[in-house]
Amino acid sequence: MRPYEELKVFSGSAHPELAENIARYVGCPLGAELVGRFADGEVRVQVEESVRGADVFLIQPTCQPVNENLMELLIMADAFKRASAGRITAVIPYFGYARQDKKSTGREPITAKLVANLMTTAGVNRVIAVDLHADQLQGFFDIPVDHLTARWIFSDYFQRTNDLAGAVLVSPDTGGAKYVERMARQLQLPFAIINKRRPNVTDPEVTHVIGEVEGLRCIIVDDMITTGRSVASAVDALLKLGARPQITVAATHPVLVGASLEVLARPEITEIVIGDTIPLPKDFPLKPKTKVLSIAPLVAKAIINTHTHQSVSTLFRY
């Protein structure tokens, strides 16, 4: 396998602070580029240094505004392809449009597959992602995908800072059970699973809880917090079964829309642990009980290993 030339890291406008942190851990400055808008709102990209033959990594979570950030990533990829980059890797800490990964009813799109196709067409040769909403999304791409997990970062945090005696990990749905089970095994804790149904897209209903939670301190672990409805229904179900009113909510991706902040402000939720895959607003009102864990070292190591043709799978035991 031939080596690529110089490693270069570039950032979109979605999360420049995270991109700077990743570049610092990689040991190189962010590349020079112009990412802006034309007068009518169209995305404008200009690469301001030579990337011919370079191994280029584009850091851009496709978070809110999702369409703007996704389109920006696609146009960036096209610009670097036309600038003769040797290889283009899209580093997507948060992968938007991941929920529609199958047809649940008739006449629905599979948007995750569409986005995967768009990235390949734009010129992306490889993808590095963190905690995809569903593992099968890797198979939607016709190019290599390195799927990193922040599970180990969260586990390390809980081991270092928490008295885990009397704690139980909780998956807020059956889809995340395997993820939570692996974390529970690492932390040597029991775990519980909340089974729920969705009468509609937005309002989950808890049917029952699998596992013991009475008298225990619950740590709810999910890949993302979006509207907070899943968290709210989980908290209600756990308290009803006698769980202690000192609940930790942990999630890699703080999407946080709608009434999510009101849910997380509940007094029974005493700690919020989130990743920095999505930028928080500067006036985030829940800072006193929120801990933000950085994925920058993990992603930086993946970039270095990818560039030097070393194993990335070793990072799955981060």
Protein backbone atom coordinates (compact mmCIF):
# COMPACT_ATOMS: atom_id res chain seq x y z
CA MET A 1 0.00 0.00 0.00
CA ARG A 2 1.57 3.24 -1.12
CA PRO A 3 2.00 5.97 1.50
CA TYR A 4 0.11 9.19 0.96
CA GLU A 5 1.93 12.47 1.13
CA GLU A 6 1.54 15.03 3.89
CA LEU A 7 -1.31 14.65 6.37
CA LYS A 8 -3.58 17.71 6.35
CA VAL A 9 -6.59 18.46 8.54
CA PHE A 10 -9.32 20.91 7.55
CA SER A 11 -12.47 22.07 9.31
CA GLY A 12 -15.94 22.98 8.22
CA SER A 13 -17.91 25.63 10.07
CA ALA A 14 -20.05 23.22 12.14
CA HIS A 15 -17.66 22.74 15.07
CA PRO A 16 -14.33 24.58 14.64
CA GLU A 17 -13.43 24.24 18.34
CA LEU A 18 -13.51 20.44 18.14
CA ALA A 19 -11.53 20.53 14.88
CA GLU A 20 -8.85 22.67 16.51
CA ASN A 21 -8.59 20.25 19.44
CA ILE A 22 -8.30 17.26 17.11
CA ALA A 23 -5.63 19.00 15.02
CA ARG A 24 -3.69 19.81 18.18
CA TYR A 25 -3.67 16.15 19.23
CA VAL A 26 -2.70 15.13 15.69
CA GLY A 27 0.19 17.60 15.88
CA CYS A 28 -0.54 19.76 12.85
CA PRO A 29 -2.31 23.08 12.31
CA LEU A 30 -5.66 23.29 10.59
CA GLY A 31 -5.30 23.80 6.85
CA ALA A 32 -6.03 27.13 5.18
CA GLU A 33 -9.39 27.38 3.47
CA LEU A 34 -12.30 29.72 2.99
CA VAL A 35 -15.71 28.38 3.96
CA GLY A 36 -18.45 30.96 3.65
CA ARG A 37 -21.62 31.88 1.82
CA PHE A 38 -22.42 33.73 -1.36
CA ALA A 39 -24.90 36.58 -1.22
CA ASP A 40 -27.82 34.24 -1.95
CA GLY A 41 -26.83 31.79 0.79
CA GLU A 42 -25.06 29.20 -1.37
CA VAL A 43 -22.02 27.56 0.21
CA ARG A 44 -18.67 28.92 -0.95
CA VAL A 45 -15.46 26.91 -0.45
CA GLN A 46 -11.93 27.86 -1.50
CA VAL A 47 -8.89 25.74 -0.61
CA GLU A 48 -6.10 28.23 0.09
CA GLU A 49 -3.08 25.92 0.06
CA SER A 50 -1.83 23.09 -2.12
CA VAL A 51 -3.26 19.67 -1.28
CA ARG A 52 -2.03 17.81 -4.35
CA GLY A 53 -1.35 14.22 -3.31
CA ALA A 54 -2.09 14.99 0.36
CA ASP A 55 -3.96 12.79 2.81
CA VAL A 56 -6.83 15.15 3.66
CA PHE A 57 -9.16 14.83 6.66
CA LEU A 58 -12.30 16.99 6.70
CA ILE A 59 -13.83 17.47 10.16
CA GLN A 60 -17.52 18.30 10.02
CA PRO A 61 -20.35 16.96 12.20
CA THR A 62 -23.64 17.16 10.34
CA CYS A 63 -25.52 18.64 13.29
CA GLN A 64 -27.92 21.59 13.28
CA PRO A 65 -28.43 23.19 10.85
CA VAL A 66 -28.21 19.71 9.34
CA ASN A 67 -28.82 20.56 5.70
CA GLU A 68 -26.36 23.47 5.76
CA ASN A 69 -23.60 21.42 7.39
CA LEU A 70 -24.15 18.38 5.18
CA MET A 71 -24.10 20.46 2.01
CA GLU A 72 -20.98 22.23 3.22
CA LEU A 73 -19.23 18.88 3.75
CA LEU A 74 -20.18 17.68 0.26
CA ILE A 75 -18.93 20.88 -1.37
CA MET A 76 -15.70 20.74 0.64
CA ALA A 77 -15.12 17.17 -0.56
CA ASP A 78 -15.70 18.20 -4.16
CA ALA A 79 -13.28 21.12 -3.81
CA PHE A 80 -10.50 18.88 -2.45
CA LYS A 81 -11.16 16.24 -5.10
CA ARG A 82 -10.77 18.85 -7.82
CA ALA A 83 -7.62 20.13 -6.08
CA SER A 84 -6.10 16.65 -6.60
CA ALA A 85 -5.98 15.52 -2.97
CA GLY A 86 -4.51 12.02 -2.70
CA ARG A 87 -7.25 10.77 -0.39
CA ILE A 88 -10.21 12.47 1.29
CA THR A 89 -11.48 11.21 4.64
CA ALA A 90 -14.66 12.70 6.06
CA VAL A 91 -14.43 12.82 9.86
CA ILE A 92 -18.06 13.01 11.02
CA PRO A 93 -18.27 13.08 14.82
CA TYR A 94 -22.06 13.24 14.60
CA PHE A 95 -23.72 11.68 11.55
CA GLY A 96 -27.04 13.36 10.76
CA TYR A 97 -29.87 11.69 8.83
CA ALA A 98 -29.03 8.40 10.59
CA ARG A 99 -32.51 7.67 11.93
CA GLN A 100 -34.08 6.64 8.63
CA ASP A 101 -32.00 3.52 8.04
CA LYS A 102 -34.92 1.36 6.89
CA LYS A 103 -38.47 1.62 5.59
CA SER A 104 -40.69 1.35 8.66
CA THR A 105 -43.81 2.00 6.59
CA GLY A 106 -44.58 2.28 2.92
CA ARG A 107 -43.38 5.12 0.71
CA GLU A 108 -40.54 6.23 3.01
CA PRO A 109 -36.98 7.11 1.99
CA ILE A 110 -33.87 5.45 3.39
CA THR A 111 -32.15 8.75 3.96
CA ALA A 112 -29.02 7.34 5.56
CA LYS A 113 -28.23 5.42 2.37
CA LEU A 114 -28.89 8.50 0.26
CA VAL A 115 -26.44 10.55 2.33
CA ALA A 116 -23.83 7.79 2.06
CA ASN A 117 -24.19 7.83 -1.73
CA LEU A 118 -23.90 11.62 -1.85
CA MET A 119 -20.64 11.56 0.09
CA THR A 120 -19.12 8.98 -2.22
CA THR A 121 -20.22 10.94 -5.29
CA ALA A 122 -18.74 14.15 -3.83
CA GLY A 123 -15.32 12.50 -3.60
CA VAL A 124 -15.06 11.11 -0.06
CA ASN A 125 -12.80 8.03 -0.02
CA ARG A 126 -13.17 7.07 3.62
CA VAL A 127 -15.32 7.93 6.66
CA ILE A 128 -14.49 8.15 10.36
CA ALA A 129 -17.63 8.35 12.53
CA VAL A 130 -18.39 8.21 16.24
CA ASP A 131 -21.28 6.23 17.75
CA LEU A 132 -23.53 5.93 14.73
CA HIS A 133 -27.22 5.66 15.57
CA ALA A 134 -27.20 2.10 14.20
CA ASP A 135 -24.24 -0.16 13.46
CA GLN A 136 -25.67 -1.20 10.09
CA LEU A 137 -25.07 2.30 8.72
CA GLN A 138 -21.50 1.21 8.00
CA GLY A 139 -22.85 -1.10 5.32
CA PHE A 140 -24.61 1.75 3.53
CA PHE A 141 -21.26 3.07 2.31
CA ASP A 142 -19.34 1.61 -0.63
CA ILE A 143 -16.15 2.99 0.93
CA PRO A 144 -14.37 2.05 4.19
CA VAL A 145 -15.97 3.30 7.42
CA ASP A 146 -14.16 3.38 10.77
CA HIS A 147 -16.86 3.39 13.43
CA LEU A 148 -15.39 4.65 16.70
CA THR A 149 -17.18 4.47 20.02
CA ALA A 150 -17.01 6.88 22.94
CA ARG A 151 -18.15 4.12 25.30
CA TRP A 152 -14.66 3.70 26.72
CA ILE A 153 -14.29 7.43 27.34
CA PHE A 154 -17.53 7.41 29.35
CA SER A 155 -16.54 4.25 31.21
CA ASP A 156 -13.20 5.77 32.18
CA TYR A 157 -14.97 8.87 33.45
CA PHE A 158 -17.37 6.90 35.64
CA GLN A 159 -14.55 4.75 37.02
CA ARG A 160 -12.46 7.80 37.92
CA THR A 161 -15.08 10.14 39.34
CA ASN A 162 -18.02 8.13 40.62
CA ASP A 163 -18.67 5.81 43.52
CA LEU A 164 -20.33 3.05 41.51
CA ALA A 165 -21.53 1.06 44.52
CA GLY A 166 -25.29 0.70 44.23
CA ALA A 167 -25.34 1.89 40.60
CA VAL A 168 -27.03 0.28 37.60
CA LEU A 169 -26.64 1.14 33.92
CA VAL A 170 -29.89 1.60 32.03
CA SER A 171 -30.57 1.43 28.31
CA PRO A 172 -33.58 3.64 27.49
CA ASP A 173 -34.61 1.27 24.69
CA THR A 174 -33.89 -2.19 23.38
CA GLY A 175 -31.92 -0.82 20.43
CA GLY A 176 -29.12 0.40 22.71
CA ALA A 177 -29.07 -2.68 24.93
CA LYS A 178 -25.93 -4.19 23.43
CA TYR A 179 -24.02 -0.92 23.84
CA VAL A 180 -25.04 -0.62 27.50
CA GLU A 181 -24.36 -4.29 28.19
CA ARG A 182 -20.76 -3.91 27.00
CA MET A 183 -20.24 -0.84 29.17
CA ALA A 184 -21.78 -2.63 32.17
CA ARG A 185 -19.44 -5.55 31.65
CA GLN A 186 -16.45 -3.20 31.63
CA LEU A 187 -17.63 -1.39 34.76
CA GLN A 188 -18.73 -4.65 36.42
CA LEU A 189 -22.20 -3.26 37.04
CA PRO A 190 -25.70 -4.67 36.58
CA PHE A 191 -27.79 -3.24 33.77
CA ALA A 192 -31.45 -2.80 32.96
CA ILE A 193 -33.34 -2.33 29.70
CA ILE A 194 -36.43 -0.20 29.20
CA ASN A 195 -38.82 -1.63 26.67
CA LYS A 196 -41.10 0.86 25.00
CA ARG A 197 -43.37 1.28 22.05
CA ARG A 198 -44.02 4.31 19.90
CA PRO A 199 -47.68 5.00 19.11
CA ASN A 200 -46.29 7.82 16.95
CA VAL A 201 -42.88 9.12 15.97
CA THR A 202 -42.48 11.54 18.87
CA ASP A 203 -44.11 10.01 21.97
CA PRO A 204 -42.54 6.81 23.34
CA GLU A 205 -44.47 4.76 25.90
CA VAL A 206 -42.68 2.49 28.40
CA THR A 207 -44.24 -0.98 28.56
CA HIS A 208 -41.91 -2.56 31.13
CA VAL A 209 -38.40 -2.51 32.58
CA ILE A 210 -36.15 -5.56 32.36
CA GLY A 211 -33.81 -5.75 35.35
CA GLU A 212 -33.74 -4.55 38.96
CA VAL A 213 -33.58 -0.82 39.71
CA GLU A 214 -35.27 -0.50 43.11
CA GLY A 215 -33.06 1.35 45.57
CA LEU A 216 -30.29 1.77 42.98
CA ARG A 217 -28.71 4.86 41.41
CA CYS A 218 -29.46 4.73 37.69
CA ILE A 219 -27.09 5.81 34.93
CA ILE A 220 -29.09 6.15 31.69
CA VAL A 221 -26.80 5.67 28.70
CA ASP A 222 -27.81 6.50 25.12
CA ASP A 223 -26.11 7.51 21.89
CA MET A 224 -27.93 10.85 21.69
CA ILE A 225 -30.35 13.15 23.46
CA THR A 226 -32.65 14.82 20.95
CA THR A 227 -36.05 15.93 22.25
CA GLY A 228 -35.56 14.40 25.71
CA ARG A 229 -38.82 12.43 25.50
CA SER A 230 -37.03 9.08 25.80
CA VAL A 231 -35.12 10.36 28.82
CA ALA A 232 -38.31 11.69 30.43
CA SER A 233 -40.21 8.43 29.96
CA ALA A 234 -37.21 6.46 31.26
CA VAL A 235 -36.86 8.64 34.37
CA ASP A 236 -40.58 8.33 35.14
CA ALA A 237 -40.49 4.54 34.77
CA LEU A 238 -37.38 4.16 36.94
CA LEU A 239 -38.71 6.37 39.74
CA LYS A 240 -42.02 4.49 39.68
CA LEU A 241 -40.08 1.26 40.30
CA GLY A 242 -38.27 2.73 43.30
CA ALA A 243 -34.98 3.91 41.80
CA ARG A 244 -33.13 6.56 43.77
CA PRO A 245 -33.95 10.14 42.67
CA GLN A 246 -30.30 10.73 41.77
CA ILE A 247 -30.14 9.85 38.09
CA THR A 248 -27.24 10.38 35.70
CA VAL A 249 -27.95 10.82 31.99
CA ALA A 250 -25.06 10.08 29.62
CA ALA A 251 -25.04 10.47 25.83
CA THR A 252 -22.38 10.89 23.17
CA HIS A 253 -24.33 13.37 21.03
CA PRO A 254 -26.11 16.36 22.68
CA VAL A 255 -28.55 17.18 19.87
CA LEU A 256 -30.88 18.91 22.40
CA VAL A 257 -33.90 20.28 20.57
CA GLY A 258 -37.44 21.05 21.66
CA ALA A 259 -38.11 20.64 25.37
CA SER A 260 -34.94 18.62 26.03
CA LEU A 261 -33.48 21.27 28.35
CA GLU A 262 -36.63 21.28 30.46
CA VAL A 263 -36.42 17.50 30.80
CA LEU A 264 -32.73 17.57 31.76
CA ALA A 265 -33.41 20.34 34.29
CA ARG A 266 -35.57 17.97 36.37
CA PRO A 267 -34.20 17.74 39.93
CA GLU A 268 -34.11 13.94 39.80
CA ILE A 269 -31.43 14.23 37.10
CA THR A 270 -28.38 15.23 39.12
CA GLU A 271 -25.67 14.75 36.48
CA ILE A 272 -25.49 15.06 32.69
CA VAL A 273 -22.47 13.58 30.90
CA ILE A 274 -22.14 14.31 27.17
CA GLY A 275 -19.57 14.23 24.39
CA ASP A 276 -18.34 17.26 22.47
CA THR A 277 -19.39 15.92 19.06
CA ILE A 278 -21.89 18.80 18.78
CA PRO A 279 -21.19 22.33 20.05
CA LEU A 280 -23.20 23.52 23.04
CA PRO A 281 -24.57 27.07 23.05
CA LYS A 282 -22.44 29.48 25.04
CA ASP A 283 -25.39 30.25 27.32
CA PHE A 284 -26.11 26.55 28.00
CA PRO A 285 -28.21 26.79 31.18
CA LEU A 286 -27.34 23.39 32.69
CA LYS A 287 -23.57 23.84 32.96
CA PRO A 288 -23.40 23.33 36.76
CA LYS A 289 -24.48 19.70 36.49
CA THR A 290 -23.03 18.95 33.05
CA LYS A 291 -19.71 17.30 32.27
CA VAL A 292 -18.47 17.42 28.67
CA LEU A 293 -16.06 14.64 27.66
CA SER A 294 -13.84 15.27 24.64
CA ILE A 295 -13.61 12.77 21.80
CA ALA A 296 -10.69 14.71 20.28
CA PRO A 297 -7.90 12.35 21.49
CA LEU A 298 -9.78 9.30 20.18
CA VAL A 299 -10.48 10.84 16.76
CA ALA A 300 -6.94 12.20 16.49
CA LYS A 301 -5.49 8.74 17.10
CA ALA A 302 -7.79 7.31 14.43
CA ILE A 303 -6.57 9.96 11.97
CA ILE A 304 -2.92 9.20 12.73
CA ASN A 305 -3.44 5.43 12.43
CA THR A 306 -5.36 5.84 9.18
CA HIS A 307 -2.63 8.03 7.71
CA THR A 308 0.19 5.68 8.76
CA HIS A 309 -1.73 2.52 7.75
CA GLN A 310 -1.88 1.22 11.31
CA SER A 311 -4.80 -0.64 12.85
CA VAL A 312 -7.81 1.43 13.82
CA SER A 313 -9.58 -1.53 15.43
CA THR A 314 -7.20 -1.26 18.38
CA LEU A 315 -9.05 1.96 19.27
CA PHE A 316 -12.24 -0.03 19.82
CA ARG A 317 -10.67 -0.93 23.16
CA TYR A 318 -9.77 2.70 23.86
